């Protein structure tokens, strides 16, 4: 998990060191060394980019992963209960520290995710689906019973209708936890083994870079360029092209750096520390 965290942070830091100085030079951001250091380590990232909230979320989930993975293992129930108890002790310790020492940027930024039931439950459900191949089993089940393509189309239509119904509602976020997985499952099933699936595979490979950089284009630095097409659909496509191109350029730096410091040979030398 430490290896994965460093791999992700290296990618994030490269983007950070490219775009934040650009923002300072353009006058979009004020030069504040405290804010820069905090954001560099995933805290107060909204100071520079509101879409970077998931940076610390991802890091926290990586730290939580061993606990959840143990709960899904074949160990005895009482051992799983002890691991779960340790998790709650860690969380309560953090809350006690915050209560007696006051607000702390590190603890406030990271410990919040340890009690976010929605995020934790989605993460755990995802682990369950991956471990027990839920997606593959559902595909086999529907293929034996009815036409899986037809089921997918119906599910997509229902998902879109539900999303429209719950739009601007207080239950929107909770509804998304149900609607989005069904939508993604259905779309994936429809596009599996089709020519267009290669496009989505490409987008998946660049998704992290695109998420980390697209708001610099459309919100902070170069809005006039992004909105040149004027028509909303064309603007969206143009933003995707700009973000994808940006990702390719970032990878010109990231991939050689990653190959140098995170090669398989170096990973073996870290055995016992990087997993």
Protein backbone atom coordinates (compact mmCIF):
# COMPACT_ATOMS: atom_id res chain seq x y z
CA UNK A 1 0.00 0.00 0.00
CA UNK A 2 2.90 2.35 0.69
CA UNK A 3 4.16 1.70 -2.82
CA UNK A 4 0.77 2.57 -4.32
CA UNK A 5 0.59 5.74 -2.24
CA UNK A 6 4.04 6.89 -3.38
CA UNK A 7 3.20 6.00 -6.98
CA UNK A 8 0.07 8.16 -6.85
CA UNK A 9 1.72 10.99 -4.92
CA UNK A 10 4.57 11.13 -7.44
CA UNK A 11 2.01 11.62 -10.21
CA UNK A 12 0.18 14.26 -8.13
CA UNK A 13 3.38 16.10 -7.18
CA UNK A 14 4.52 16.36 -10.81
CA UNK A 15 1.18 17.95 -11.74
CA UNK A 16 1.31 20.16 -8.63
CA UNK A 17 4.80 21.46 -9.47
CA UNK A 18 3.70 22.26 -13.01
CA UNK A 19 0.35 23.94 -12.48
CA UNK A 20 0.63 25.73 -9.12
CA UNK A 21 3.63 27.84 -10.23
CA UNK A 22 1.72 28.66 -13.43
CA UNK A 23 -1.21 29.83 -11.29
CA UNK A 24 1.09 31.98 -9.13
CA UNK A 25 2.72 33.56 -12.20
CA UNK A 26 -0.70 34.23 -13.75
CA UNK A 27 -1.88 35.91 -10.55
CA UNK A 28 -4.61 33.32 -9.98
CA UNK A 29 -3.03 32.21 -6.69
CA UNK A 30 -1.20 34.13 -4.01
CA UNK A 31 2.21 32.84 -3.04
CA UNK A 32 1.76 31.40 0.45
CA UNK A 33 4.35 28.84 1.48
CA UNK A 34 2.12 27.41 4.23
CA UNK A 35 -0.77 26.77 1.84
CA UNK A 36 1.58 25.33 -0.76
CA UNK A 37 3.14 22.85 1.67
CA UNK A 38 -0.26 21.82 3.05
CA UNK A 39 -1.72 21.26 -0.42
CA UNK A 40 1.44 19.44 -1.54
CA UNK A 41 0.69 16.77 1.07
CA UNK A 42 -3.02 16.56 0.25
CA UNK A 43 -4.34 18.99 2.87
CA UNK A 44 -6.37 22.11 2.04
CA UNK A 45 -6.13 21.18 -1.64
CA UNK A 46 -9.27 23.23 -2.35
CA UNK A 47 -7.07 26.32 -1.97
CA UNK A 48 -5.82 25.57 -5.47
CA UNK A 49 -8.22 23.08 -7.01
CA UNK A 50 -11.58 21.98 -5.61
CA UNK A 51 -11.41 18.74 -7.61
CA UNK A 52 -8.38 17.63 -5.62
CA UNK A 53 -10.51 16.60 -2.64
CA UNK A 54 -10.10 12.95 -3.61
CA UNK A 55 -6.30 13.07 -3.15
CA UNK A 56 -6.47 12.67 0.62
CA UNK A 57 -9.55 10.44 0.29
CA UNK A 58 -7.55 8.02 -1.87
CA UNK A 59 -4.61 8.07 0.54
CA UNK A 60 -6.89 7.37 3.52
CA UNK A 61 -8.58 4.48 1.70
CA UNK A 62 -5.16 3.01 0.95
CA UNK A 63 -4.39 3.09 4.68
CA UNK A 64 -7.77 1.54 5.49
CA UNK A 65 -7.43 -1.18 2.86
CA UNK A 66 -5.45 -3.62 5.09
CA UNK A 67 -8.21 -3.47 7.73
CA UNK A 68 -10.97 -4.20 5.21
CA UNK A 69 -8.88 -6.81 3.44
CA UNK A 70 -8.39 -8.63 6.72
CA UNK A 71 -12.15 -8.61 7.32
CA UNK A 72 -12.62 -10.36 3.95
CA UNK A 73 -9.94 -12.94 4.69
CA UNK A 74 -10.43 -16.47 6.03
CA UNK A 75 -9.21 -15.62 9.51
CA UNK A 76 -11.35 -16.46 12.51
CA UNK A 77 -14.18 -14.15 13.51
CA UNK A 78 -12.64 -13.11 16.82
CA UNK A 79 -9.45 -12.00 15.03
CA UNK A 80 -11.51 -9.91 12.61
CA UNK A 81 -13.32 -8.37 15.56
CA UNK A 82 -9.97 -7.39 17.12
CA UNK A 83 -8.85 -5.76 13.85
CA UNK A 84 -12.15 -3.86 13.65
CA UNK A 85 -11.71 -2.76 17.26
CA UNK A 86 -8.20 -1.49 16.48
CA UNK A 87 -9.65 0.58 13.64
CA UNK A 88 -12.18 2.24 15.93
CA UNK A 89 -9.51 2.86 18.58
CA UNK A 90 -7.37 4.66 15.98
CA UNK A 91 -10.33 6.76 14.92
CA UNK A 92 -11.38 7.62 18.49
CA UNK A 93 -7.79 8.51 19.38
CA UNK A 94 -7.71 10.98 16.51
CA UNK A 95 -11.01 12.53 17.59
CA UNK A 96 -9.81 12.86 21.19
CA UNK A 97 -6.60 14.56 20.05
CA UNK A 98 -8.63 17.00 17.94
CA UNK A 99 -10.99 17.70 20.86
CA UNK A 100 -8.24 18.48 23.39
CA UNK A 101 -5.62 20.05 21.14
CA UNK A 102 -8.04 21.95 18.95
CA UNK A 103 -8.47 21.98 15.20
CA UNK A 104 -5.53 20.45 13.39
CA UNK A 105 -5.13 20.70 9.62
CA UNK A 106 -3.65 17.19 9.32
CA UNK A 107 -6.11 15.40 11.58
CA UNK A 108 -9.12 17.36 10.32
CA UNK A 109 -8.18 16.65 6.70
CA UNK A 110 -7.62 12.92 7.06
CA UNK A 111 -9.64 11.65 10.02
CA UNK A 112 -12.89 12.93 8.53
CA UNK A 113 -12.83 10.06 6.02
CA UNK A 114 -12.51 7.45 8.77
CA UNK A 115 -16.10 8.17 9.80
CA UNK A 116 -17.65 8.87 6.39
CA UNK A 117 -20.03 5.91 6.14
CA UNK A 118 -20.97 6.53 2.50
CA UNK A 119 -17.37 6.52 1.23
CA UNK A 120 -16.29 3.62 3.44
CA UNK A 121 -19.29 1.49 2.50
CA UNK A 122 -18.79 2.07 -1.24
CA UNK A 123 -15.09 1.22 -0.91
CA UNK A 124 -15.86 -1.97 1.03
CA UNK A 125 -18.58 -3.03 -1.42
CA UNK A 126 -16.11 -2.49 -4.26
CA UNK A 127 -13.61 -4.76 -2.51
CA UNK A 128 -16.29 -7.42 -2.06
CA UNK A 129 -17.25 -7.23 -5.75
CA UNK A 130 -13.61 -7.55 -6.81
CA UNK A 131 -12.74 -10.35 -4.41
CA UNK A 132 -15.75 -12.52 -5.24
CA UNK A 133 -16.01 -11.60 -8.94
CA UNK A 134 -19.55 -10.30 -8.51
CA UNK A 135 -19.56 -8.67 -11.94
CA UNK A 136 -18.57 -11.89 -13.73
CA UNK A 137 -21.14 -13.92 -11.80
CA UNK A 138 -23.91 -11.45 -12.63
CA UNK A 139 -23.00 -11.62 -16.32
CA UNK A 140 -23.14 -15.42 -16.29
CA UNK A 141 -26.42 -15.40 -14.39
CA UNK A 142 -28.18 -13.04 -16.80
CA UNK A 143 -26.73 -14.75 -19.87
CA UNK A 144 -28.25 -18.04 -18.72
CA UNK A 145 -31.65 -16.47 -18.07
CA UNK A 146 -32.26 -13.60 -20.49
CA UNK A 147 -30.56 -11.30 -22.98
CA UNK A 148 -27.90 -9.39 -21.02
CA UNK A 149 -27.79 -6.58 -23.60
CA UNK A 150 -31.52 -5.96 -23.22
CA UNK A 151 -31.22 -5.94 -19.43
CA UNK A 152 -28.37 -3.43 -19.69
CA UNK A 153 -30.35 -1.06 -21.91
CA UNK A 154 -33.34 -1.16 -19.55
CA UNK A 155 -31.06 -0.59 -16.54
CA UNK A 156 -29.43 2.42 -18.24
CA UNK A 157 -32.80 3.99 -18.97
CA UNK A 158 -33.99 3.43 -15.39
CA UNK A 159 -30.72 4.84 -14.01
CA UNK A 160 -31.02 8.01 -16.08
CA UNK A 161 -34.66 8.48 -15.04
CA UNK A 162 -33.79 8.01 -11.36
CA UNK A 163 -30.91 10.47 -11.63
CA UNK A 164 -33.24 13.08 -13.16
CA UNK A 165 -35.86 12.45 -10.46
CA UNK A 166 -33.35 12.83 -7.62
CA UNK A 167 -31.57 15.82 -9.18
CA UNK A 168 -31.19 18.78 -6.79
CA UNK A 169 -32.63 16.63 -4.02
CA UNK A 170 -31.21 16.14 -0.53
CA UNK A 171 -30.99 12.42 -1.32
CA UNK A 172 -29.01 12.91 -4.55
CA UNK A 173 -25.69 11.71 -3.15
CA UNK A 174 -27.19 8.66 -1.45
CA UNK A 175 -29.14 7.81 -4.61
CA UNK A 176 -25.92 7.97 -6.61
CA UNK A 177 -24.50 5.11 -4.57
CA UNK A 178 -27.19 2.91 -6.10
CA UNK A 179 -27.73 4.51 -9.50
CA UNK A 180 -24.10 4.98 -10.55
CA UNK A 181 -22.95 1.35 -10.03
CA UNK A 182 -25.97 0.08 -11.98
CA UNK A 183 -25.28 2.57 -14.77
CA UNK A 184 -21.57 1.73 -14.94
CA UNK A 185 -22.28 -2.03 -14.82
CA UNK A 186 -24.78 -1.72 -17.67
CA UNK A 187 -22.60 0.51 -19.87
CA UNK A 188 -19.61 -1.79 -19.34
CA UNK A 189 -21.67 -4.82 -20.30
CA UNK A 190 -22.93 -3.16 -23.49
CA UNK A 191 -19.50 -1.98 -24.60
CA UNK A 192 -17.50 -5.06 -23.59
CA UNK A 193 -15.52 -6.52 -26.51
CA UNK A 194 -16.62 -3.74 -28.87
CA UNK A 195 -14.36 -1.37 -30.80
CA UNK A 196 -15.44 1.59 -28.65
CA UNK A 197 -14.24 -0.21 -25.51
CA UNK A 198 -10.65 0.57 -26.60
CA UNK A 199 -11.47 4.27 -26.29
CA UNK A 200 -12.70 3.83 -22.73
CA UNK A 201 -9.62 1.78 -21.86
CA UNK A 202 -7.50 4.68 -23.13
CA UNK A 203 -9.53 7.14 -21.10
CA UNK A 204 -9.15 4.91 -18.04
CA UNK A 205 -5.38 4.95 -18.35
CA UNK A 206 -5.37 8.74 -18.41
CA UNK A 207 -8.27 9.31 -16.01
CA UNK A 208 -6.12 10.28 -13.02
CA UNK A 209 -4.20 12.93 -14.94
CA UNK A 210 -7.37 14.23 -16.57
CA UNK A 211 -9.18 14.54 -13.25
CA UNK A 212 -6.21 16.29 -11.66
CA UNK A 213 -5.82 18.81 -14.50
CA UNK A 214 -9.15 19.42 -16.28
CA UNK A 215 -10.37 22.10 -13.86
CA UNK A 216 -7.28 24.19 -14.53
CA UNK A 217 -8.54 24.42 -18.08
CA UNK A 218 -12.24 25.05 -17.47
CA UNK A 219 -12.24 26.92 -14.12
CA UNK A 220 -8.94 28.56 -13.26
CA UNK A 221 -6.54 29.36 -16.11
CA UNK A 222 -7.80 29.08 -19.67
CA UNK A 223 -11.60 29.35 -19.71
CA UNK A 224 -11.73 31.39 -22.97
CA UNK A 225 -9.92 28.55 -24.79
CA UNK A 226 -12.19 25.87 -23.36
CA UNK A 227 -15.40 27.72 -24.23
CA UNK A 228 -14.41 28.60 -27.79
CA UNK A 229 -16.88 26.10 -29.33
CA UNK A 230 -19.77 27.80 -27.40
CA UNK A 231 -22.10 24.79 -27.80
CA UNK A 232 -22.11 22.84 -24.51
CA UNK A 233 -21.58 19.40 -26.04
CA UNK A 234 -18.73 20.68 -28.20
CA UNK A 235 -17.19 22.41 -25.17
CA UNK A 236 -17.29 19.13 -23.26
CA UNK A 237 -15.62 17.21 -26.10
CA UNK A 238 -13.02 19.96 -26.50
CA UNK A 239 -12.27 19.87 -22.75
CA UNK A 240 -11.80 16.10 -22.93
CA UNK A 241 -9.36 16.55 -25.83
CA UNK A 242 -7.43 19.26 -23.97
CA UNK A 243 -7.28 17.20 -20.77
CA UNK A 244 -6.24 14.06 -22.64
CA UNK A 245 -3.50 15.97 -24.47
CA UNK A 246 -2.33 17.40 -21.14
CA UNK A 247 -2.17 13.87 -19.73
CA UNK A 248 0.06 12.70 -22.59
CA UNK A 249 2.43 15.61 -21.92
CA UNK A 250 2.50 14.89 -18.18
CA UNK A 251 3.31 11.24 -18.88
CA UNK A 252 6.40 12.35 -20.80
CA UNK A 253 7.74 13.31 -17.37
CA UNK A 254 5.94 10.84 -15.13
CA UNK A 255 6.56 7.57 -17.00
CA UNK A 256 10.40 7.90 -17.24
CA UNK A 257 10.49 9.02 -13.60
CA UNK A 258 8.28 6.11 -12.56
CA UNK A 259 10.32 3.60 -14.52
CA UNK A 260 13.49 4.92 -12.88
CA UNK A 261 12.32 4.87 -9.27
CA UNK A 262 9.53 2.29 -9.27
CA UNK A 263 10.90 -0.44 -11.54
CA UNK A 264 10.22 -4.09 -10.70
CA UNK A 265 13.83 -4.53 -9.63
CA UNK A 266 13.57 -1.65 -7.17
CA UNK A 267 10.23 -2.93 -5.90
CA UNK A 268 11.90 -6.26 -5.08
CA UNK A 269 14.54 -4.42 -3.08
CA UNK A 270 11.73 -2.88 -1.04
CA UNK A 271 10.21 -6.27 -0.24
CA UNK A 272 8.57 -6.16 3.15
CA UNK A 273 7.95 -2.42 2.90
CA UNK A 274 6.13 -1.95 -0.40
CA UNK A 275 3.16 -4.20 -1.12
